Amino acid sequence: MNNAYIPYGIYWSTPFAKWQGSIAHLNSVRLAAVCGTKALQARGFPMPEIDLGVLGITNPQHGSFYGLPWLTGMMGLESVPGPTVQQACATSARVLQMAAQEIAAGSAQCALVVTADRCSNGPIVYYPDPTAPGGTGHTERWVLDNFSHDPHAGNAMVDTAENVAARFGIGAAEQGELTLMRFAQYQQALADDRAFQRRYMIEVPVTDSAFRRQSATLAADEGIFPTTAEGLSRLKPVKPGGTVTFGTQTHPADGNAGVIVTTRERARSVSTDQSIEIELLGFGQARVDKGHMPAAVAPAAKRALQAAGLGIDRVDAVKTHNPFAVNDLAFSRQTGFALEKMNNFGCSLIWGHPQAPTGLRSILELIEELVSRGGGVGLFSGCAAGDTGMAVVLRVGPARG
């Protein structure tokens, strides 16, 4: 990417809250502004250095037509411009790439990247159609209708998992075993009073919808399903004759996450640990056969690695957006990467999927895992609506020069 870096510690994610949970009533853009301001101030970050903002959001909120300028305005960054991006589950990787490209091109020096979404209380959109009988329009439940129907492929999200399971010979028992492994890995992040998560996770003030009176604090993930072999075995497939159950797929959630992307020199100057360097190496995207969304993770990863000039053998840690257990099983079959070396400390299969911030939280966890290992190369890859995928390669190591 040529001089696009993330300063260590200058990033954050909220806990993810269950669907219709503690923050279901809060506008996700306004909440992201509150959380982002709080996180940057707590880290002593010099806000005037920010000269670009990129907002990623998938589910519209009241006022989100104004997107990034509204967000930065609420954060006191009145002069900071930038785009608003919507690319479903690939939104995090896309906004990170856009910021990195701006830094590499020299058109920006310090970019604020924020991702925010709320699956709860999804908007209901009415599309007028004056040519229809009686002028009757069309109503769309933004979240539920799009989960259940791809207008191009003509299938539901869960159908894509079943198609990939059939292609790679992945059965229900194998999905259950993988889910148990991922649940156990998440427990590592909860050890020692959530020591791992506290490296990047901030608390969320839970207020009334007007953001005036605080009534509670969301300090940890909400809505994690206790997972046992016995419990998984009792669940029936979602689709008749299928293999995917409610236990081997993720759940909708709410939350936000953010990160600063800047030059190498600025990254070092604002990092909370100047001995650590985080370099963005490459990005990749892919699109696969209609109705085979989980299969897009591996080809996207391969293209990101190619852009970085690396092979999968050079990767020390992998994080995936895995809305289905099928995703990781297919990825391992396609790349040869060991399942047990992926998704240490947690993944979206377990802690949920608010759409835009899902991938960014994974990337922050990837960074912290590599820091705990003493450095290395990390790969994040995930699937997205429309049978697509997007991936990021980064390196964590000692500061050089």
Protein backbone atom coordinates (compact mmCIF):
# COMPACT_ATOMS: atom_id res chain seq x y z
CA MET A 1 0.00 0.00 0.00
CA ASN A 2 3.08 2.27 0.27
CA ASN A 3 3.03 4.11 3.58
CA ALA A 4 -0.43 3.31 4.98
CA TYR A 5 -0.26 2.45 8.68
CA ILE A 6 -2.50 2.02 11.70
CA PRO A 7 -1.10 3.55 14.90
CA TYR A 8 -1.09 0.95 17.64
CA GLY A 9 -3.94 1.46 20.10
CA ILE A 10 -5.68 4.20 18.11
CA TYR A 11 -8.72 2.06 17.36
CA TRP A 12 -11.77 0.81 19.18
CA SER A 13 -14.85 -1.35 19.02
CA THR A 14 -17.92 -1.35 21.17
CA PRO A 15 -19.21 -4.61 22.56
CA PHE A 16 -21.74 -6.12 20.19
CA ALA A 17 -25.28 -6.15 21.53
CA LYS A 18 -27.91 -8.71 20.70
CA TRP A 19 -30.72 -7.98 18.31
CA GLN A 20 -33.35 -5.80 20.05
CA GLY A 21 -31.00 -5.51 23.01
CA SER A 22 -29.52 -2.68 25.09
CA ILE A 23 -28.70 -0.27 22.24
CA ALA A 24 -31.48 -1.22 19.80
CA HIS A 25 -33.15 2.17 20.29
CA LEU A 26 -30.05 4.31 19.60
CA ASN A 27 -29.33 5.85 16.20
CA SER A 28 -26.17 4.07 15.08
CA VAL A 29 -24.52 7.15 13.52
CA ARG A 30 -25.12 9.30 16.58
CA LEU A 31 -23.89 6.50 18.84
CA ALA A 32 -20.77 6.05 16.69
CA ALA A 33 -20.00 9.77 17.09
CA VAL A 34 -20.31 9.49 20.87
CA CYS A 35 -18.15 6.36 21.01
CA GLY A 36 -15.54 7.62 18.54
CA THR A 37 -15.09 10.93 20.34
CA LYS A 38 -14.81 9.16 23.68
CA ALA A 39 -12.27 6.66 22.38
CA LEU A 40 -10.00 9.21 20.69
CA GLN A 41 -10.06 11.58 23.65
CA ALA A 42 -9.25 8.74 26.05
CA ARG A 43 -6.18 7.94 23.95
CA GLY A 44 -5.08 11.56 23.84
CA PHE A 45 -5.30 11.62 20.06
CA PRO A 46 -4.78 15.05 18.42
CA MET A 47 -8.13 15.46 16.64
CA PRO A 48 -7.00 18.43 14.48
CA GLU A 49 -4.65 16.09 12.58
CA ILE A 50 -7.62 14.31 10.95
CA ASP A 51 -8.11 15.53 7.38
CA LEU A 52 -10.30 12.74 5.95
CA GLY A 53 -13.20 10.68 7.21
CA VAL A 54 -14.75 7.50 5.82
CA LEU A 55 -18.03 6.17 7.22
CA GLY A 56 -19.25 2.64 6.58
CA ILE A 57 -22.93 1.91 7.25
CA THR A 58 -25.24 -0.69 5.75
CA ASN A 59 -28.62 -0.16 7.42
CA PRO A 60 -30.01 3.39 6.99
CA GLN A 61 -30.73 5.41 10.10
CA HIS A 62 -32.72 8.59 10.55
CA GLY A 63 -30.46 11.34 9.15
CA SER A 64 -27.90 9.01 7.62
CA PHE A 65 -28.47 10.64 4.21
CA TYR A 66 -25.85 13.13 5.45
CA GLY A 67 -23.47 10.32 6.32
CA LEU A 68 -19.84 11.16 6.99
CA PRO A 69 -20.19 14.97 7.25
CA TRP A 70 -22.87 14.48 9.90
CA LEU A 71 -20.67 12.06 11.84
CA THR A 72 -17.58 14.26 11.77
CA GLY A 73 -19.67 17.33 12.57
CA MET A 74 -20.98 15.64 15.72
CA MET A 75 -17.39 14.76 16.63
CA GLY A 76 -16.29 18.39 16.39
CA LEU A 77 -14.46 17.81 13.10
CA GLU A 78 -16.33 20.49 11.19
CA SER A 79 -13.83 20.75 8.32
CA VAL A 80 -13.32 17.02 7.70
CA PRO A 81 -14.93 15.68 4.48
CA GLY A 82 -15.20 12.20 3.06
CA PRO A 83 -17.46 9.48 1.67
CA THR A 84 -20.09 7.18 3.11
CA VAL A 85 -19.84 3.55 1.97
CA GLN A 86 -22.35 0.71 1.93
CA GLN A 87 -21.06 -2.73 0.92
CA ALA A 88 -22.89 -5.07 3.28
CA CYS A 89 -20.52 -7.38 5.17
CA ALA A 90 -17.50 -6.17 3.13
CA THR A 91 -17.96 -2.58 4.28
CA SER A 92 -15.13 -2.66 6.86
CA ALA A 93 -12.54 -3.95 4.41
CA ARG A 94 -13.68 -1.48 1.77
CA VAL A 95 -13.51 1.63 3.98
CA LEU A 96 -10.09 0.55 5.27
CA GLN A 97 -8.87 0.16 1.69
CA MET A 98 -10.26 3.56 0.70
CA ALA A 99 -8.49 5.25 3.59
CA ALA A 100 -5.23 3.41 2.85
CA GLN A 101 -5.37 4.41 -0.81
CA GLU A 102 -5.90 8.07 0.09
CA ILE A 103 -2.91 7.97 2.44
CA ALA A 104 -0.75 6.13 -0.09
CA ALA A 105 -1.69 8.61 -2.82
CA GLY A 106 -0.87 11.58 -0.61
CA SER A 107 -4.38 13.05 -0.91
CA ALA A 108 -4.83 12.69 2.87
CA GLN A 109 -2.46 12.47 5.79
CA CYS A 110 -4.66 11.17 8.59
CA ALA A 111 -7.94 9.34 8.01
CA LEU A 112 -10.66 8.57 10.51
CA VAL A 113 -12.48 5.34 9.62
CA VAL A 114 -15.77 4.62 11.40
CA THR A 115 -18.16 1.72 10.86
CA ALA A 116 -21.59 1.66 12.45
CA ASP A 117 -24.73 -0.40 12.11
CA ARG A 118 -27.87 -1.48 13.88
CA CYS A 119 -29.72 -4.55 12.70
CA SER A 120 -32.35 -3.92 15.37
CA ASN A 121 -35.45 -1.96 14.39
CA GLY A 122 -34.45 -2.02 10.74
CA PRO A 123 -36.13 0.59 8.55
CA ILE A 124 -39.20 -0.20 6.50
CA VAL A 125 -38.88 1.49 3.12
CA TYR A 126 -41.77 2.33 0.81
CA TYR A 127 -40.98 2.70 -2.91
CA PRO A 128 -43.72 4.54 -4.85
CA ASP A 129 -44.72 3.05 -8.20
CA PRO A 130 -47.19 5.27 -10.06
CA THR A 131 -47.31 2.78 -12.96
CA ALA A 132 -48.63 -0.05 -10.78
CA PRO A 133 -52.38 -0.75 -10.46
CA GLY A 134 -53.83 2.07 -8.44
CA GLY A 135 -50.37 3.54 -8.01
CA THR A 136 -49.60 1.01 -5.30
CA GLY A 137 -45.92 0.99 -4.37
CA HIS A 138 -43.62 -1.61 -2.84
CA THR A 139 -42.60 -2.02 0.80
CA GLU A 140 -39.27 -3.46 1.86
CA ARG A 141 -38.19 -4.49 5.35
CA TRP A 142 -34.57 -3.45 4.88
CA VAL A 143 -32.93 -6.06 7.13
CA LEU A 144 -35.25 -9.06 7.09
CA ASP A 145 -36.21 -8.99 3.42
CA ASN A 146 -32.61 -8.72 2.28
CA PHE A 147 -31.48 -11.52 4.60
CA SER A 148 -34.14 -13.73 3.04
CA HIS A 149 -33.84 -12.83 -0.65
CA ASP A 150 -31.00 -11.92 -3.01
CA PRO A 151 -32.74 -10.16 -5.95
CA HIS A 152 -30.10 -11.43 -8.39
CA ALA A 153 -29.43 -14.98 -7.21
CA GLY A 154 -32.99 -15.49 -5.96
CA ASN A 155 -32.03 -17.18 -2.71
CA ALA A 156 -31.75 -16.53 1.01
CA MET A 157 -28.42 -16.15 2.83
CA VAL A 158 -28.81 -19.56 4.43
CA ASP A 159 -29.27 -21.12 1.00
CA THR A 160 -25.77 -19.97 0.04
CA ALA A 161 -24.37 -21.84 3.03
CA GLU A 162 -26.25 -24.99 2.07
CA ASN A 163 -24.98 -24.73 -1.52
CA VAL A 164 -21.38 -24.43 -0.35
CA ALA A 165 -21.85 -27.23 2.17
CA ALA A 166 -23.03 -29.49 -0.66
CA ARG A 167 -20.15 -28.43 -2.94
CA PHE A 168 -17.47 -29.20 -0.34
CA GLY A 169 -19.15 -32.15 1.34
CA ILE A 170 -19.65 -30.38 4.68
CA GLY A 171 -22.16 -32.03 6.98
CA ALA A 172 -24.04 -30.90 10.08
CA ALA A 173 -21.74 -32.74 12.48
CA GLU A 174 -18.62 -31.05 11.08
CA GLN A 175 -20.31 -27.65 11.35
CA GLY A 176 -21.21 -28.37 14.96
CA GLU A 177 -17.65 -29.36 15.84
CA LEU A 178 -16.30 -26.18 14.26
CA THR A 179 -18.83 -24.05 16.15
CA LEU A 180 -17.77 -25.62 19.44
CA MET A 181 -14.15 -24.82 18.63
CA ARG A 182 -15.00 -21.20 17.82
CA PHE A 183 -16.99 -20.86 21.06
CA ALA A 184 -14.01 -22.18 23.03
CA GLN A 185 -11.70 -19.72 21.28
CA TYR A 186 -14.01 -16.87 22.28
CA GLN A 187 -13.63 -17.92 25.92
CA GLN A 188 -9.91 -17.08 25.61
CA ALA A 189 -10.87 -13.44 25.11
CA LEU A 190 -12.88 -13.52 28.35
CA ALA A 191 -10.01 -14.86 30.48
CA ASP A 192 -8.52 -12.69 33.25
CA ASP A 193 -11.54 -10.40 33.36
CA ARG A 194 -11.63 -9.97 29.56
CA ALA A 195 -7.99 -8.86 29.39
CA PHE A 196 -7.75 -9.45 25.64
CA GLN A 197 -10.94 -7.57 24.79
CA ARG A 198 -10.00 -4.64 27.02
CA ARG A 199 -7.09 -3.91 24.67
CA TYR A 200 -9.50 -2.53 22.08
CA MET A 201 -13.06 -2.58 23.44
CA ILE A 202 -14.72 0.51 24.91
CA GLU A 203 -17.79 0.83 27.08
CA VAL A 204 -21.00 2.24 25.62
CA PRO A 205 -23.17 4.70 27.53
CA VAL A 206 -26.76 3.49 27.22
CA THR A 207 -29.01 6.53 27.14
CA ASP A 208 -32.50 7.42 26.09
CA SER A 209 -33.03 7.79 22.33
CA ALA A 210 -32.32 11.53 22.55
CA PHE A 211 -28.85 10.79 24.00
CA ARG A 212 -29.57 12.85 27.11
CA ARG A 213 -29.97 10.64 30.17
CA GLN A 214 -27.69 7.66 30.76
CA SER A 215 -29.37 4.71 32.43
CA ALA A 216 -26.78 1.96 32.01
CA THR A 217 -23.44 0.99 30.52
CA LEU A 218 -22.81 -1.76 27.99
CA ALA A 219 -19.36 -3.07 28.93
CA ALA A 220 -19.27 -6.52 27.32
CA ASP A 221 -20.85 -8.45 24.47
CA GLU A 222 -24.54 -9.07 24.96
CA GLY A 223 -26.49 -12.04 23.64
CA ILE A 224 -23.76 -14.68 23.24
CA PHE A 225 -25.42 -18.08 22.99
CA PRO A 226 -24.01 -20.73 25.36
CA THR A 227 -22.84 -23.49 23.03
CA THR A 228 -22.56 -27.18 23.91
CA ALA A 229 -22.37 -30.36 21.87
CA GLU A 230 -25.64 -31.52 23.41
CA GLY A 231 -27.39 -28.26 22.63
CA LEU A 232 -26.21 -28.22 19.02
CA SER A 233 -27.28 -31.83 18.50
CA ARG A 234 -30.86 -31.00 19.44
CA LEU A 235 -31.24 -28.31 16.79
CA LYS A 236 -32.91 -29.12 13.50
CA PRO A 237 -31.69 -27.68 10.18
CA VAL A 238 -33.22 -24.35 9.20
CA LYS A 239 -34.08 -25.71 5.75
CA PRO A 240 -35.76 -29.09 5.26
CA GLY A 241 -33.10 -31.62 4.32
CA GLY A 242 -30.35 -29.11 5.05
CA THR A 243 -27.31 -29.04 7.33
CA VAL A 244 -27.21 -25.49 8.77
CA THR A 245 -28.94 -24.92 12.11
CA PHE A 246 -29.49 -21.76 14.12
CA GLY A 247 -26.57 -22.90 16.26
CA THR A 248 -24.07 -23.01 13.40
CA GLN A 249 -24.74 -19.52 12.07
CA THR A 250 -24.32 -16.04 13.50
CA HIS A 251 -26.97 -13.72 14.91
CA PRO A 252 -27.83 -10.10 13.99
CA ALA A 253 -26.34 -7.52 16.35
CA ASP A 254 -25.69 -3.80 16.95
CA GLY A 255 -22.43 -1.92 17.46
CA ASN A 256 -19.71 0.27 15.98
CA ALA A 257 -15.93 0.35 15.53
CA GLY A 258 -13.29 2.80 14.37
CA VAL A 259 -9.62 3.17 13.48
CA ILE A 260 -7.11 5.79 12.39
CA VAL A 261 -5.13 5.21 9.17
CA THR A 262 -2.19 7.48 8.54
CA THR A 263 1.42 7.70 7.38
CA ARG A 264 4.21 5.75 8.99
CA GLU A 265 5.66 8.84 10.64
CA ARG A 266 2.35 10.03 12.07
CA ALA A 267 1.41 6.53 13.17
CA ARG A 268 4.53 6.29 15.27
CA SER A 269 4.04 9.73 16.78
CA VAL A 270 0.49 9.05 18.02
CA SER A 271 0.75 5.31 18.80
CA THR A 272 0.13 4.26 22.38
CA ASP A 273 3.23 2.05 22.05
CA GLN A 274 5.78 3.47 19.65
CA SER A 275 7.71 0.19 19.51
CA ILE A 276 4.86 -1.46 17.57
CA GLU A 277 4.24 -0.86 13.85
CA ILE A 278 1.12 -1.93 11.94
CA GLU A 279 1.44 -1.81 8.16
CA LEU A 280 -1.36 -2.40 5.66
CA LEU A 281 0.06 -4.62 2.92
CA GLY A 282 -2.74 -5.45 0.51
CA PHE A 283 -6.43 -5.86 -0.23
CA GLY A 284 -8.36 -8.27 -2.43
CA GLN A 285 -11.89 -8.99 -3.55
CA ALA A 286 -13.69 -11.77 -5.34
CA ARG A 287 -17.08 -12.86 -6.62
CA VAL A 288 -18.13 -16.47 -6.98
CA ASP A 289 -21.00 -18.44 -8.52
CA LYS A 290 -24.51 -17.25 -7.76
CA GLY A 291 -25.79 -18.62 -4.48
CA HIS A 292 -22.33 -19.60 -3.13
CA MET A 293 -21.45 -16.64 -0.90
CA PRO A 294 -19.31 -18.48 1.72
CA ALA A 295 -16.99 -19.73 -1.03
CA ALA A 296 -15.87 -16.15 -1.78
CA VAL A 297 -13.70 -15.90 1.36
CA ALA A 298 -10.78 -17.93 -0.01
CA PRO A 299 -10.40 -16.30 -3.46
CA ALA A 300 -10.63 -12.84 -1.89
CA ALA A 301 -7.89 -13.84 0.54
CA LYS A 302 -5.70 -15.18 -2.26
CA ARG A 303 -6.00 -11.90 -4.17
CA ALA A 304 -5.12 -9.85 -1.10
CA LEU A 305 -2.08 -12.05 -0.50
CA GLN A 306 -1.09 -11.67 -4.14
CA ALA A 307 -1.34 -7.89 -3.81
CA ALA A 308 0.90 -8.11 -0.74
CA GLY A 309 3.36 -10.39 -2.53
CA LEU A 310 2.86 -13.20 -0.02
CA GLY A 311 1.64 -16.78 0.03
CA ILE A 312 -0.66 -18.36 2.60
CA ASP A 313 2.42 -20.06 4.08
CA ARG A 314 3.64 -16.64 5.24
CA VAL A 315 0.47 -15.93 7.25
CA ASP A 316 0.70 -16.26 11.02
CA ALA A 317 -2.93 -15.59 11.97
CA VAL A 318 -6.26 -15.53 10.15
CA LYS A 319 -9.55 -13.95 11.13
CA THR A 320 -12.69 -14.46 9.09
CA HIS A 321 -16.16 -13.05 8.97
CA ASN A 322 -17.99 -16.35 9.23
CA PRO A 323 -21.76 -15.90 9.32
CA PHE A 324 -21.90 -19.68 8.90
CA ALA A 325 -19.60 -22.40 10.21
CA VAL A 326 -19.53 -23.50 6.57
CA ASN A 327 -17.38 -20.46 5.74
CA ASP A 328 -14.34 -21.57 7.72
CA LEU A 329 -14.62 -25.20 6.65
CA ALA A 330 -14.73 -24.21 2.99
CA PHE A 331 -11.83 -21.75 3.48
CA SER A 332 -9.66 -24.44 5.07
CA ARG A 333 -10.42 -26.88 2.27
CA GLN A 334 -9.56 -24.26 -0.36
CA THR A 335 -6.37 -22.91 1.22
CA GLY A 336 -5.06 -25.68 3.44
CA PHE A 337 -4.92 -23.31 6.42
CA ALA A 338 -5.57 -25.16 9.68
CA LEU A 339 -8.94 -24.53 11.30
CA GLU A 340 -7.46 -24.35 14.77
CA LYS A 341 -5.10 -21.53 13.71
CA MET A 342 -8.02 -19.34 12.63
CA ASN A 343 -10.19 -17.02 14.70
CA ASN A 344 -8.40 -17.16 18.02
CA PHE A 345 -10.13 -15.03 20.67
CA GLY A 346 -13.43 -14.87 18.79
CA CYS A 347 -15.25 -14.31 15.52
CA SER A 348 -18.59 -13.16 14.17
CA LEU A 349 -19.99 -16.69 14.27
CA ILE A 350 -20.00 -16.29 18.05
CA TRP A 351 -20.20 -12.59 18.88
CA GLY A 352 -22.69 -11.60 16.19
CA HIS A 353 -22.95 -9.54 13.04
CA PRO A 354 -23.96 -5.85 12.99
CA GLN A 355 -22.95 -5.68 9.28
CA ALA A 356 -20.50 -2.78 8.71
CA PRO A 357 -18.44 -2.97 11.95
CA THR A 358 -18.16 -6.76 11.96
CA GLY A 359 -15.03 -6.97 9.84
CA LEU A 360 -13.31 -4.06 11.57
CA ARG A 361 -13.69 -5.65 14.99
CA SER A 362 -12.14 -8.81 13.54
CA ILE A 363 -9.22 -6.79 12.18
CA LEU A 364 -8.63 -5.14 15.57
CA GLU A 365 -8.63 -8.55 17.23
CA LEU A 366 -6.21 -9.77 14.54
CA ILE A 367 -3.83 -6.92 15.35
CA GLU A 368 -3.94 -7.65 19.07
CA GLU A 369 -3.42 -11.37 18.50
CA LEU A 370 -0.32 -10.64 16.44
CA VAL A 371 0.96 -8.22 19.09
CA SER A 372 0.55 -10.94 21.72
CA ARG A 373 2.57 -13.30 19.48
CA GLY A 374 5.37 -10.79 19.10
CA GLY A 375 4.34 -9.78 15.56
CA GLY A 376 3.68 -11.42 12.24
CA VAL A 377 1.49 -11.32 9.15
CA GLY A 378 -2.28 -11.33 9.55
CA LEU A 379 -5.08 -12.00 7.09
CA PHE A 380 -8.71 -11.01 7.43
CA SER A 381 -11.22 -12.24 4.88
CA GLY A 382 -14.98 -12.44 4.80
CA CYS A 383 -17.93 -13.00 2.52
CA ALA A 384 -20.55 -10.40 1.68
CA ALA A 385 -23.96 -10.12 0.07
CA GLY A 386 -24.03 -10.82 -3.65
CA ASP A 387 -21.69 -13.83 -3.45
CA THR A 388 -18.69 -11.57 -2.94
CA GLY A 389 -15.77 -11.45 -0.55
CA MET A 390 -13.11 -8.97 0.53
CA ALA A 391 -9.82 -9.42 2.36
CA VAL A 392 -7.05 -7.43 4.09
CA VAL A 393 -3.41 -8.35 4.73
CA LEU A 394 -1.38 -6.52 7.36
CA ARG A 395 1.90 -6.89 9.20
CA VAL A 396 2.55 -6.23 12.87
CA GLY A 397 6.13 -5.89 13.99
CA PRO A 398 8.70 -3.73 15.72
CA ALA A 399 8.96 -0.13 14.56
CA ARG A 400 11.75 0.28 12.01
CA GLY A 401 14.06 3.17 11.26
